[in-house]
Amino acid sequence: LTFWNGGHFKRTSNLKIFEGDITKENFGINEQDLVKLKEETEEIIHCA
């Protein structure tokens, strides 16, 4: 994001980052985060 914004990026509350891996079961994330993702996600854009 810093690269695309010319060397500057201000953190925003609109962005939540989950560490995981699409090759792992449940994306390699814990159950609590998985439930949160399911509740909050309306659309999925796959760019991996």
ModelCIF file with pLDDT and N, C-alpha, C, O atoms, coordinates in Angstrom:
data_MODEL
#
_entry.id   MODEL 
#
_entity.id                         1 
_entity.type                       polymer 
_entity.pdbx_number_of_molecules   1 
#
_entity_poly.entity_id                      1 
_entity_poly.type                           'polypeptide(L)' 
_entity_poly.nstd_linkage                   no 
_entity_poly.nstd_monomer                   no 
_entity_poly.pdbx_seq_one_letter_code       LTFWNGGHFKRTSNLKIFEGDITKENFGINEQDLVKLKEETEEIIHCA 
_entity_poly.pdbx_seq_one_letter_code_can   LTFWNGGHFKRTSNLKIFEGDITKENFGINEQDLVKLKEETEEIIHCA 
_entity_poly.pdbx_strand_id                 A 
#
loop_
_entity_poly_seq.entity_id 
_entity_poly_seq.num 
_entity_poly_seq.mon_id 
_entity_poly_seq.hetero 
1 1  LEU n 
1 2  THR n 
1 3  PHE n 
1 4  TRP n 
1 5  ASN n 
1 6  GLY n 
1 7  GLY n 
1 8  HIS n 
1 9  PHE n 
1 10 LYS n 
1 11 ARG n 
1 12 THR n 
1 13 SER n 
1 14 ASN n 
1 15 LEU n 
1 16 LYS n 
1 17 ILE n 
1 18 PHE n 
1 19 GLU n 
1 20 GLY n 
1 21 ASP n 
1 22 ILE n 
1 23 THR n 
1 24 LYS n 
1 25 GLU n 
1 26 ASN n 
1 27 PHE n 
1 28 GLY n 
1 29 ILE n 
1 30 ASN n 
1 31 GLU n 
1 32 GLN n 
1 33 ASP n 
1 34 LEU n 
1 35 VAL n 
1 36 LYS n 
1 37 LEU n 
1 38 LYS n 
1 39 GLU n 
1 40 GLU n 
1 41 THR n 
1 42 GLU n 
1 43 GLU n 
1 44 ILE n 
1 45 ILE n 
1 46 HIS n 
1 47 CYS n 
1 48 ALA n 
#
_struct_asym.id          A 
_struct_asym.entity_id   1 
#
loop_
_ma_qa_metric.id 
_ma_qa_metric.mode 
_ma_qa_metric.name 
_ma_qa_metric.software_group_id 
_ma_qa_metric.type 
1 global pLDDT . pLDDT 
2 local  pLDDT . pLDDT 
#
_ma_qa_metric_global.metric_id      1 
_ma_qa_metric_global.metric_value   87.31 
_ma_qa_metric_global.model_id       1 
_ma_qa_metric_global.ordinal_id     1 
#
loop_
_ma_qa_metric_local.label_asym_id 
_ma_qa_metric_local.label_comp_id 
_ma_qa_metric_local.label_seq_id 
_ma_qa_metric_local.metric_id 
_ma_qa_metric_local.metric_value 
_ma_qa_metric_local.model_id 
_ma_qa_metric_local.ordinal_id 
A LEU 1  2 88.00 1 1  
A THR 2  2 87.00 1 2  
A PHE 3  2 85.00 1 3  
A TRP 4  2 84.00 1 4  
A ASN 5  2 80.00 1 5  
A GLY 6  2 81.00 1 6  
A GLY 7  2 76.00 1 7  
A HIS 8  2 71.00 1 8  
A PHE 9  2 74.00 1 9  
A LYS 10 2 76.00 1 10 
A ARG 11 2 77.00 1 11 
A THR 12 2 82.00 1 12 
A SER 13 2 86.00 1 13 
A ASN 14 2 90.00 1 14 
A LEU 15 2 93.00 1 15 
A LYS 16 2 92.00 1 16 
A ILE 17 2 92.00 1 17 
A PHE 18 2 92.00 1 18 
A GLU 19 2 92.00 1 19 
A GLY 20 2 90.00 1 20 
A ASP 21 2 89.00 1 21 
A ILE 22 2 86.00 1 22 
A THR 23 2 86.00 1 23 
A LYS 24 2 90.00 1 24 
A GLU 25 2 92.00 1 25 
A ASN 26 2 92.00 1 26 
A PHE 27 2 89.00 1 27 
A GLY 28 2 91.00 1 28 
A ILE 29 2 92.00 1 29 
A ASN 30 2 91.00 1 30 
A GLU 31 2 93.00 1 31 
A GLN 32 2 92.00 1 32 
A ASP 33 2 90.00 1 33 
A LEU 34 2 91.00 1 34 
A VAL 35 2 92.00 1 35 
A LYS 36 2 88.00 1 36 
A LEU 37 2 88.00 1 37 
A LYS 38 2 89.00 1 38 
A GLU 39 2 91.00 1 39 
A GLU 40 2 88.00 1 40 
A THR 41 2 89.00 1 41 
A GLU 42 2 90.00 1 42 
A GLU 43 2 91.00 1 43 
A ILE 44 2 89.00 1 44 
A ILE 45 2 89.00 1 45 
A HIS 46 2 88.00 1 46 
A CYS 47 2 84.00 1 47 
A ALA 48 2 83.00 1 48 
#
loop_
_atom_site.group_PDB 
_atom_site.id 
_atom_site.type_symbol 
_atom_site.label_atom_id 
_atom_site.label_alt_id 
_atom_site.label_comp_id 
_atom_site.label_asym_id 
_atom_site.label_entity_id 
_atom_site.label_seq_id 
_atom_site.pdbx_PDB_ins_code 
_atom_site.Cartn_x 
_atom_site.Cartn_y 
_atom_site.Cartn_z 
_atom_site.occupancy 
_atom_site.B_iso_or_equiv 
_atom_site.pdbx_formal_charge 
_atom_site.auth_seq_id 
_atom_site.auth_comp_id 
_atom_site.auth_asym_id 
_atom_site.auth_atom_id 
_atom_site.pdbx_PDB_model_num 
ATOM 1   N N  . LEU A 1 1  ? 0.828   -1.205  0.000  1.00 88.00 ? 1  LEU A N  1 
ATOM 2   C CA . LEU A 1 1  ? 0.000   0.000   0.000  1.00 88.00 ? 1  LEU A CA 1 
ATOM 3   C C  . LEU A 1 1  ? 0.867   1.261   0.000  1.00 88.00 ? 1  LEU A C  1 
ATOM 4   O O  . LEU A 1 1  ? 0.524   2.257   -0.637 1.00 88.00 ? 1  LEU A O  1 
ATOM 5   N N  . THR A 1 2  ? 1.966   1.211   0.702  1.00 87.00 ? 2  THR A N  1 
ATOM 6   C CA . THR A 1 2  ? 2.906   2.335   0.705  1.00 87.00 ? 2  THR A CA 1 
ATOM 7   C C  . THR A 1 2  ? 3.487   2.528   -0.691 1.00 87.00 ? 2  THR A C  1 
ATOM 8   O O  . THR A 1 2  ? 3.617   3.659   -1.158 1.00 87.00 ? 2  THR A O  1 
ATOM 9   N N  . PHE A 1 3  ? 3.836   1.433   -1.357 1.00 85.00 ? 3  PHE A N  1 
ATOM 10  C CA . PHE A 1 3  ? 4.356   1.499   -2.725 1.00 85.00 ? 3  PHE A CA 1 
ATOM 11  C C  . PHE A 1 3  ? 3.356   2.189   -3.658 1.00 85.00 ? 3  PHE A C  1 
ATOM 12  O O  . PHE A 1 3  ? 3.719   3.111   -4.389 1.00 85.00 ? 3  PHE A O  1 
ATOM 13  N N  . TRP A 1 4  ? 2.092   1.739   -3.631 1.00 84.00 ? 4  TRP A N  1 
ATOM 14  C CA . TRP A 1 4  ? 1.079   2.277   -4.533 1.00 84.00 ? 4  TRP A CA 1 
ATOM 15  C C  . TRP A 1 4  ? 0.695   3.715   -4.192 1.00 84.00 ? 4  TRP A C  1 
ATOM 16  O O  . TRP A 1 4  ? 0.179   4.436   -5.046 1.00 84.00 ? 4  TRP A O  1 
ATOM 17  N N  . ASN A 1 5  ? 0.939   4.132   -2.969 1.00 80.00 ? 5  ASN A N  1 
ATOM 18  C CA . ASN A 1 5  ? 0.568   5.480   -2.547 1.00 80.00 ? 5  ASN A CA 1 
ATOM 19  C C  . ASN A 1 5  ? 1.762   6.423   -2.518 1.00 80.00 ? 5  ASN A C  1 
ATOM 20  O O  . ASN A 1 5  ? 1.787   7.363   -1.724 1.00 80.00 ? 5  ASN A O  1 
ATOM 21  N N  . GLY A 1 6  ? 2.736   6.188   -3.359 1.00 81.00 ? 6  GLY A N  1 
ATOM 22  C CA . GLY A 1 6  ? 3.860   7.103   -3.492 1.00 81.00 ? 6  GLY A CA 1 
ATOM 23  C C  . GLY A 1 6  ? 4.734   7.217   -2.259 1.00 81.00 ? 6  GLY A C  1 
ATOM 24  O O  . GLY A 1 6  ? 5.293   8.279   -1.984 1.00 81.00 ? 6  GLY A O  1 
ATOM 25  N N  . GLY A 1 7  ? 4.854   6.135   -1.520 1.00 76.00 ? 7  GLY A N  1 
ATOM 26  C CA . GLY A 1 7  ? 5.720   6.128   -0.341 1.00 76.00 ? 7  GLY A CA 1 
ATOM 27  C C  . GLY A 1 7  ? 5.023   6.513   0.948  1.00 76.00 ? 7  GLY A C  1 
ATOM 28  O O  . GLY A 1 7  ? 5.657   6.592   2.000  1.00 76.00 ? 7  GLY A O  1 
ATOM 29  N N  . HIS A 1 8  ? 3.723   6.752   0.874  1.00 71.00 ? 8  HIS A N  1 
ATOM 30  C CA . HIS A 1 8  ? 2.961   7.142   2.065  1.00 71.00 ? 8  HIS A CA 1 
ATOM 31  C C  . HIS A 1 8  ? 1.708   6.286   2.168  1.00 71.00 ? 8  HIS A C  1 
ATOM 32  O O  . HIS A 1 8  ? 1.010   6.058   1.180  1.00 71.00 ? 8  HIS A O  1 
ATOM 33  N N  . PHE A 1 9  ? 1.438   5.821   3.369  1.00 74.00 ? 9  PHE A N  1 
ATOM 34  C CA . PHE A 1 9  ? 0.172   5.137   3.604  1.00 74.00 ? 9  PHE A CA 1 
ATOM 35  C C  . PHE A 1 9  ? -0.233  5.377   5.045  1.00 74.00 ? 9  PHE A C  1 
ATOM 36  O O  . PHE A 1 9  ? 0.530   5.115   5.975  1.00 74.00 ? 9  PHE A O  1 
ATOM 37  N N  . LYS A 1 10 ? -1.433  5.873   5.213  1.00 76.00 ? 10 LYS A N  1 
ATOM 38  C CA . LYS A 1 10 ? -1.990  6.122   6.536  1.00 76.00 ? 10 LYS A CA 1 
ATOM 39  C C  . LYS A 1 10 ? -2.885  4.944   6.903  1.00 76.00 ? 10 LYS A C  1 
ATOM 40  O O  . LYS A 1 10 ? -3.796  4.592   6.154  1.00 76.00 ? 10 LYS A O  1 
ATOM 41  N N  . ARG A 1 11 ? -2.628  4.348   8.041  1.00 77.00 ? 11 ARG A N  1 
ATOM 42  C CA . ARG A 1 11 ? -3.459  3.218   8.475  1.00 77.00 ? 11 ARG A CA 1 
ATOM 43  C C  . ARG A 1 11 ? -4.911  3.658   8.592  1.00 77.00 ? 11 ARG A C  1 
ATOM 44  O O  . ARG A 1 11 ? -5.206  4.797   8.956  1.00 77.00 ? 11 ARG A O  1 
ATOM 45  N N  . THR A 1 12 ? -5.801  2.745   8.281  1.00 82.00 ? 12 THR A N  1 
ATOM 46  C CA . THR A 1 12 ? -7.224  3.053   8.282  1.00 82.00 ? 12 THR A CA 1 
ATOM 47  C C  . THR A 1 12 ? -8.009  1.967   9.008  1.00 82.00 ? 12 THR A C  1 
ATOM 48  O O  . THR A 1 12 ? -7.619  0.799   9.007  1.00 82.00 ? 12 THR A O  1 
ATOM 49  N N  . SER A 1 13 ? -9.104  2.361   9.620  1.00 86.00 ? 13 SER A N  1 
ATOM 50  C CA . SER A 1 13 ? -9.952  1.384   10.314 1.00 86.00 ? 13 SER A CA 1 
ATOM 51  C C  . SER A 1 13 ? -10.770 0.564   9.325  1.00 86.00 ? 13 SER A C  1 
ATOM 52  O O  . SER A 1 13 ? -11.407 -0.413  9.721  1.00 86.00 ? 13 SER A O  1 
ATOM 53  N N  . ASN A 1 14 ? -10.767 0.935   8.055  1.00 90.00 ? 14 ASN A N  1 
ATOM 54  C CA . ASN A 1 14 ? -11.491 0.186   7.022  1.00 90.00 ? 14 ASN A CA 1 
ATOM 55  C C  . ASN A 1 14 ? -10.765 -1.084  6.599  1.00 90.00 ? 14 ASN A C  1 
ATOM 56  O O  . ASN A 1 14 ? -11.301 -1.873  5.821  1.00 90.00 ? 14 ASN A O  1 
ATOM 57  N N  . LEU A 1 15 ? -9.570  -1.288  7.095  1.00 93.00 ? 15 LEU A N  1 
ATOM 58  C CA . LEU A 1 15 ? -8.743  -2.426  6.674  1.00 93.00 ? 15 LEU A CA 1 
ATOM 59  C C  . LEU A 1 15 ? -8.459  -3.349  7.842  1.00 93.00 ? 15 LEU A C  1 
ATOM 60  O O  . LEU A 1 15 ? -7.954  -2.923  8.881  1.00 93.00 ? 15 LEU A O  1 
ATOM 61  N N  . LYS A 1 16 ? -8.792  -4.625  7.660  1.00 92.00 ? 16 LYS A N  1 
ATOM 62  C CA . LYS A 1 16 ? -8.436  -5.662  8.634  1.00 92.00 ? 16 LYS A CA 1 
ATOM 63  C C  . LYS A 1 16 ? -7.616  -6.706  7.899  1.00 92.00 ? 16 LYS A C  1 
ATOM 64  O O  . LYS A 1 16 ? -8.013  -7.193  6.841  1.00 92.00 ? 16 LYS A O  1 
ATOM 65  N N  . ILE A 1 17 ? -6.474  -7.042  8.466  1.00 92.00 ? 17 ILE A N  1 
ATOM 66  C CA . ILE A 1 17 ? -5.580  -8.010  7.840  1.00 92.00 ? 17 ILE A CA 1 
ATOM 67  C C  . ILE A 1 17 ? -5.579  -9.284  8.664  1.00 92.00 ? 17 ILE A C  1 
ATOM 68  O O  . ILE A 1 17 ? -5.349  -9.260  9.873  1.00 92.00 ? 17 ILE A O  1 
ATOM 69  N N  . PHE A 1 18 ? -5.842  -10.397 7.993  1.00 92.00 ? 18 PHE A N  1 
ATOM 70  C CA . PHE A 1 18 ? -5.814  -11.714 8.612  1.00 92.00 ? 18 PHE A CA 1 
ATOM 71  C C  . PHE A 1 18 ? -4.656  -12.481 8.007  1.00 92.00 ? 18 PHE A C  1 
ATOM 72  O O  . PHE A 1 18 ? -4.541  -12.593 6.786  1.00 92.00 ? 18 PHE A O  1 
ATOM 73  N N  . GLU A 1 19 ? -3.810  -13.004 8.857  1.00 92.00 ? 19 GLU A N  1 
ATOM 74  C CA . GLU A 1 19 ? -2.679  -13.792 8.365  1.00 92.00 ? 19 GLU A CA 1 
ATOM 75  C C  . GLU A 1 19 ? -3.151  -15.218 8.159  1.00 92.00 ? 19 GLU A C  1 
ATOM 76  O O  . GLU A 1 19 ? -3.695  -15.845 9.067  1.00 92.00 ? 19 GLU A O  1 
ATOM 77  N N  . GLY A 1 20 ? -2.934  -15.724 6.945  1.00 90.00 ? 20 GLY A N  1 
ATOM 78  C CA . GLY A 1 20 ? -3.362  -17.075 6.631  1.00 90.00 ? 20 GLY A CA 1 
ATOM 79  C C  . GLY A 1 20 ? -2.763  -17.545 5.327  1.00 90.00 ? 20 GLY A C  1 
ATOM 80  O O  . GLY A 1 20 ? -1.846  -16.926 4.788  1.00 90.00 ? 20 GLY A O  1 
ATOM 81  N N  . ASP A 1 21 ? -3.289  -18.642 4.828  1.00 89.00 ? 21 ASP A N  1 
ATOM 82  C CA . ASP A 1 21 ? -2.769  -19.254 3.602  1.00 89.00 ? 21 ASP A CA 1 
ATOM 83  C C  . ASP A 1 21 ? -3.906  -20.023 2.946  1.00 89.00 ? 21 ASP A C  1 
ATOM 84  O O  . ASP A 1 21 ? -4.495  -20.911 3.563  1.00 89.00 ? 21 ASP A O  1 
ATOM 85  N N  . ILE A 1 22 ? -4.216  -19.690 1.710  1.00 86.00 ? 22 ILE A N  1 
ATOM 86  C CA . ILE A 1 22 ? -5.352  -20.330 1.039  1.00 86.00 ? 22 ILE A CA 1 
ATOM 87  C C  . ILE A 1 22 ? -5.144  -21.821 0.783  1.00 86.00 ? 22 ILE A C  1 
ATOM 88  O O  . ILE A 1 22 ? -6.104  -22.531 0.485  1.00 86.00 ? 22 ILE A O  1 
ATOM 89  N N  . THR A 1 23 ? -3.923  -22.299 0.891  1.00 86.00 ? 23 THR A N  1 
ATOM 90  C CA . THR A 1 23 ? -3.661  -23.720 0.652  1.00 86.00 ? 23 THR A CA 1 
ATOM 91  C C  . THR A 1 23 ? -3.920  -24.571 1.886  1.00 86.00 ? 23 THR A C  1 
ATOM 92  O O  . THR A 1 23 ? -3.858  -25.799 1.818  1.00 86.00 ? 23 THR A O  1 
ATOM 93  N N  . LYS A 1 24 ? -4.212  -23.922 3.026  1.00 90.00 ? 24 LYS A N  1 
ATOM 94  C CA . LYS A 1 24 ? -4.434  -24.654 4.271  1.00 90.00 ? 24 LYS A CA 1 
ATOM 95  C C  . LYS A 1 24 ? -5.921  -24.728 4.595  1.00 90.00 ? 24 LYS A C  1 
ATOM 96  O O  . LYS A 1 24 ? -6.712  -23.899 4.146  1.00 90.00 ? 24 LYS A O  1 
ATOM 97  N N  . GLU A 1 25 ? -6.281  -25.733 5.380  1.00 92.00 ? 25 GLU A N  1 
ATOM 98  C CA . GLU A 1 25 ? -7.659  -25.881 5.811  1.00 92.00 ? 25 GLU A CA 1 
ATOM 99  C C  . GLU A 1 25 ? -8.088  -24.645 6.594  1.00 92.00 ? 25 GLU A C  1 
ATOM 100 O O  . GLU A 1 25 ? -7.344  -24.143 7.437  1.00 92.00 ? 25 GLU A O  1 
ATOM 101 N N  . ASN A 1 26 ? -9.285  -24.164 6.310  1.00 92.00 ? 26 ASN A N  1 
ATOM 102 C CA . ASN A 1 26 ? -9.807  -22.935 6.921  1.00 92.00 ? 26 ASN A CA 1 
ATOM 103 C C  . ASN A 1 26 ? -8.844  -21.766 6.774  1.00 92.00 ? 26 ASN A C  1 
ATOM 104 O O  . ASN A 1 26 ? -8.777  -20.886 7.632  1.00 92.00 ? 26 ASN A O  1 
ATOM 105 N N  . PHE A 1 27 ? -8.109  -21.772 5.687  1.00 89.00 ? 27 PHE A N  1 
ATOM 106 C CA . PHE A 1 27 ? -7.143  -20.716 5.356  1.00 89.00 ? 27 PHE A CA 1 
ATOM 107 C C  . PHE A 1 27 ? -6.031  -20.574 6.380  1.00 89.00 ? 27 PHE A C  1 
ATOM 108 O O  . PHE A 1 27 ? -5.305  -19.580 6.372  1.00 89.00 ? 27 PHE A O  1 
ATOM 109 N N  . GLY A 1 28 ? -5.889  -21.555 7.260  1.00 91.00 ? 28 GLY A N  1 
ATOM 110 C CA . GLY A 1 28 ? -4.834  -21.514 8.265  1.00 91.00 ? 28 GLY A CA 1 
ATOM 111 C C  . GLY A 1 28 ? -5.063  -20.481 9.352  1.00 91.00 ? 28 GLY A C  1 
ATOM 112 O O  . GLY A 1 28 ? -4.121  -20.083 10.037 1.00 91.00 ? 28 GLY A O  1 
ATOM 113 N N  . ILE A 1 29 ? -6.312  -20.038 9.521  1.00 92.00 ? 29 ILE A N  1 
ATOM 114 C CA . ILE A 1 29 ? -6.600  -19.050 10.563 1.00 92.00 ? 29 ILE A CA 1 
ATOM 115 C C  . ILE A 1 29 ? -7.422  -19.687 11.675 1.00 92.00 ? 29 ILE A C  1 
ATOM 116 O O  . ILE A 1 29 ? -8.072  -20.712 11.471 1.00 92.00 ? 29 ILE A O  1 
ATOM 117 N N  . ASN A 1 30 ? -7.386  -19.076 12.841 1.00 91.00 ? 30 ASN A N  1 
ATOM 118 C CA . ASN A 1 30 ? -8.068  -19.663 13.991 1.00 91.00 ? 30 ASN A CA 1 
ATOM 119 C C  . ASN A 1 30 ? -9.590  -19.542 13.851 1.00 91.00 ? 30 ASN A C  1 
ATOM 120 O O  . ASN A 1 30 ? -10.091 -18.744 13.058 1.00 91.00 ? 30 ASN A O  1 
ATOM 121 N N  . GLU A 1 31 ? -10.297 -20.329 14.615 1.00 93.00 ? 31 GLU A N  1 
ATOM 122 C CA . GLU A 1 31 ? -11.760 -20.421 14.525 1.00 93.00 ? 31 GLU A CA 1 
ATOM 123 C C  . GLU A 1 31 ? -12.429 -19.073 14.785 1.00 93.00 ? 31 GLU A C  1 
ATOM 124 O O  . GLU A 1 31 ? -13.392 -18.719 14.104 1.00 93.00 ? 31 GLU A O  1 
ATOM 125 N N  . GLN A 1 32 ? -11.932 -18.325 15.757 1.00 92.00 ? 32 GLN A N  1 
ATOM 126 C CA . GLN A 1 32 ? -12.519 -17.020 16.091 1.00 92.00 ? 32 GLN A CA 1 
ATOM 127 C C  . GLN A 1 32 ? -12.432 -16.057 14.902 1.00 92.00 ? 32 GLN A C  1 
ATOM 128 O O  . GLN A 1 32 ? -13.412 -15.388 14.575 1.00 92.00 ? 32 GLN A O  1 
ATOM 129 N N  . ASP A 1 33 ? -11.269 -15.986 14.260 1.00 90.00 ? 33 ASP A N  1 
ATOM 130 C CA . ASP A 1 33 ? -11.118 -15.113 13.094 1.00 90.00 ? 33 ASP A CA 1 
ATOM 131 C C  . ASP A 1 33 ? -11.942 -15.611 11.912 1.00 90.00 ? 33 ASP A C  1 
ATOM 132 O O  . ASP A 1 33 ? -12.475 -14.808 11.146 1.00 90.00 ? 33 ASP A O  1 
ATOM 133 N N  . LEU A 1 34 ? -12.049 -16.916 11.760 1.00 91.00 ? 34 LEU A N  1 
ATOM 134 C CA . LEU A 1 34 ? -12.849 -17.482 10.671 1.00 91.00 ? 34 LEU A CA 1 
ATOM 135 C C  . LEU A 1 34 ? -14.317 -17.107 10.837 1.00 91.00 ? 34 LEU A C  1 
ATOM 136 O O  . LEU A 1 34 ? -14.975 -16.744 9.862  1.00 91.00 ? 34 LEU A O  1 
ATOM 137 N N  . VAL A 1 35 ? -14.830 -17.189 12.044 1.00 92.00 ? 35 VAL A N  1 
ATOM 138 C CA . VAL A 1 35 ? -16.217 -16.801 12.312 1.00 92.00 ? 35 VAL A CA 1 
ATOM 139 C C  . VAL A 1 35 ? -16.405 -15.320 12.014 1.00 92.00 ? 35 VAL A C  1 
ATOM 140 O O  . VAL A 1 35 ? -17.407 -14.932 11.413 1.00 92.00 ? 35 VAL A O  1 
ATOM 141 N N  . LYS A 1 36 ? -15.449 -14.491 12.428 1.00 88.00 ? 36 LYS A N  1 
ATOM 142 C CA . LYS A 1 36 ? -15.523 -13.050 12.179 1.00 88.00 ? 36 LYS A CA 1 
ATOM 143 C C  . LYS A 1 36 ? -15.535 -12.758 10.679 1.00 88.00 ? 36 LYS A C  1 
ATOM 144 O O  . LYS A 1 36 ? -16.310 -11.924 10.211 1.00 88.00 ? 36 LYS A O  1 
ATOM 145 N N  . LEU A 1 37 ? -14.681 -13.444 9.932  1.00 88.00 ? 37 LEU A N  1 
ATOM 146 C CA . LEU A 1 37 ? -14.655 -13.259 8.480  1.00 88.00 ? 37 LEU A CA 1 
ATOM 147 C C  . LEU A 1 37 ? -15.986 -13.635 7.839  1.00 88.00 ? 37 LEU A C  1 
ATOM 148 O O  . LEU A 1 37 ? -16.483 -12.925 6.964  1.00 88.00 ? 37 LEU A O  1 
ATOM 149 N N  . LYS A 1 38 ? -16.554 -14.744 8.273  1.00 89.00 ? 38 LYS A N  1 
ATOM 150 C CA . LYS A 1 38 ? -17.832 -15.191 7.712  1.00 89.00 ? 38 LYS A CA 1 
ATOM 151 C C  . LYS A 1 38 ? -18.948 -14.185 8.004  1.00 89.00 ? 38 LYS A C  1 
ATOM 152 O O  . LYS A 1 38 ? -19.807 -13.943 7.156  1.00 89.00 ? 38 LYS A O  1 
ATOM 153 N N  . GLU A 1 39 ? -18.933 -13.609 9.188  1.00 91.00 ? 39 GLU A N  1 
ATOM 154 C CA . GLU A 1 39 ? -19.973 -12.654 9.579  1.00 91.00 ? 39 GLU A CA 1 
ATOM 155 C C  . GLU A 1 39 ? -19.834 -11.323 8.845  1.00 91.00 ? 39 GLU A C  1 
ATOM 156 O O  . GLU A 1 39 ? -20.837 -10.695 8.507  1.00 91.00 ? 39 GLU A O  1 
ATOM 157 N N  . GLU A 1 40 ? -18.612 -10.893 8.601  1.00 88.00 ? 40 GLU A N  1 
ATOM 158 C CA . GLU A 1 40 ? -18.365 -9.546  8.076  1.00 88.00 ? 40 GLU A CA 1 
ATOM 159 C C  . GLU A 1 40 ? -18.182 -9.475  6.563  1.00 88.00 ? 40 GLU A C  1 
ATOM 160 O O  . GLU A 1 40 ? -18.233 -8.386  5.991  1.00 88.00 ? 40 GLU A O  1 
ATOM 161 N N  . THR A 1 41 ? -17.972 -10.597 5.914  1.00 89.00 ? 41 THR A N  1 
ATOM 162 C CA . THR A 1 41 ? -17.633 -10.575 4.495  1.00 89.00 ? 41 THR A CA 1 
ATOM 163 C C  . THR A 1 41 ? -18.877 -10.732 3.632  1.00 89.00 ? 41 THR A C  1 
ATOM 164 O O  . THR A 1 41 ? -19.644 -11.681 3.792  1.00 89.00 ? 41 THR A O  1 
ATOM 165 N N  . GLU A 1 42 ? -19.066 -9.781  2.710  1.00 90.00 ? 42 GLU A N  1 
ATOM 166 C CA . GLU A 1 42 ? -20.194 -9.827  1.795  1.00 90.00 ? 42 GLU A CA 1 
ATOM 167 C C  . GLU A 1 42 ? -19.782 -10.321 0.411  1.00 90.00 ? 42 GLU A C  1 
ATOM 168 O O  . GLU A 1 42 ? -20.556 -11.004 -0.260 1.00 90.00 ? 42 GLU A O  1 
ATOM 169 N N  . GLU A 1 43 ? -18.581 -9.982  -0.014 1.00 91.00 ? 43 GLU A N  1 
ATOM 170 C CA . GLU A 1 43 ? -18.084 -10.395 -1.326 1.00 91.00 ? 43 GLU A CA 1 
ATOM 171 C C  . GLU A 1 43 ? -16.639 -10.852 -1.185 1.00 91.00 ? 43 GLU A C  1 
ATOM 172 O O  . GLU A 1 43 ? -15.910 -10.389 -0.307 1.00 91.00 ? 43 GLU A O  1 
ATOM 173 N N  . ILE A 1 44 ? -16.239 -11.762 -2.057 1.00 89.00 ? 44 ILE A N  1 
ATOM 174 C CA . ILE A 1 44 ? -14.865 -12.256 -2.062 1.00 89.00 ? 44 ILE A CA 1 
ATOM 175 C C  . ILE A 1 44 ? -14.260 -11.976 -3.430 1.00 89.00 ? 44 ILE A C  1 
ATOM 176 O O  . ILE A 1 44 ? -14.843 -12.298 -4.465 1.00 89.00 ? 44 ILE A O  1 
ATOM 177 N N  . ILE A 1 45 ? -13.088 -11.375 -3.412 1.00 89.00 ? 45 ILE A N  1 
ATOM 178 C CA . ILE A 1 45 ? -12.320 -11.167 -4.632 1.00 89.00 ? 45 ILE A CA 1 
ATOM 179 C C  . ILE A 1 45 ? -11.026 -11.951 -4.460 1.00 89.00 ? 45 ILE A C  1 
ATOM 180 O O  . ILE A 1 45 ? -10.206 -11.633 -3.599 1.00 89.00 ? 45 ILE A O  1 
ATOM 181 N N  . HIS A 1 46 ? -10.852 -12.968 -5.279 1.00 88.00 ? 46 HIS A N  1 
ATOM 182 C CA . HIS A 1 46 ? -9.702  -13.864 -5.169 1.00 88.00 ? 46 HIS A CA 1 
ATOM 183 C C  . HIS A 1 46 ? -8.585  -13.369 -6.084 1.00 88.00 ? 46 HIS A C  1 
ATOM 184 O O  . HIS A 1 46 ? -8.733  -13.355 -7.306 1.00 88.00 ? 46 HIS A O  1 
ATOM 185 N N  . CYS A 1 47 ? -7.473  -12.966 -5.485 1.00 84.00 ? 47 CYS A N  1 
ATOM 186 C CA . CYS A 1 47 ? -6.330  -12.471 -6.269 1.00 84.00 ? 47 CYS A CA 1 
ATOM 187 C C  . CYS A 1 47 ? -5.054  -13.258 -5.980 1.00 84.00 ? 47 CYS A C  1 
ATOM 188 O O  . CYS A 1 47 ? -3.971  -12.846 -6.394 1.00 84.00 ? 47 CYS A O  1 
ATOM 189 N N  . ALA A 1 48 ? -5.167  -14.372 -5.284 1.00 83.00 ? 48 ALA A N  1 
ATOM 190 C CA . ALA A 1 48 ? -3.985  -15.171 -4.985 1.00 83.00 ? 48 ALA A CA 1 
ATOM 191 C C  . ALA A 1 48 ? -3.534  -15.903 -6.239 1.00 83.00 ? 48 ALA A C  1 
ATOM 192 O O  . ALA A 1 48 ? -2.546  -16.637 -6.204 1.00 83.00 ? 48 ALA A O  1 
#
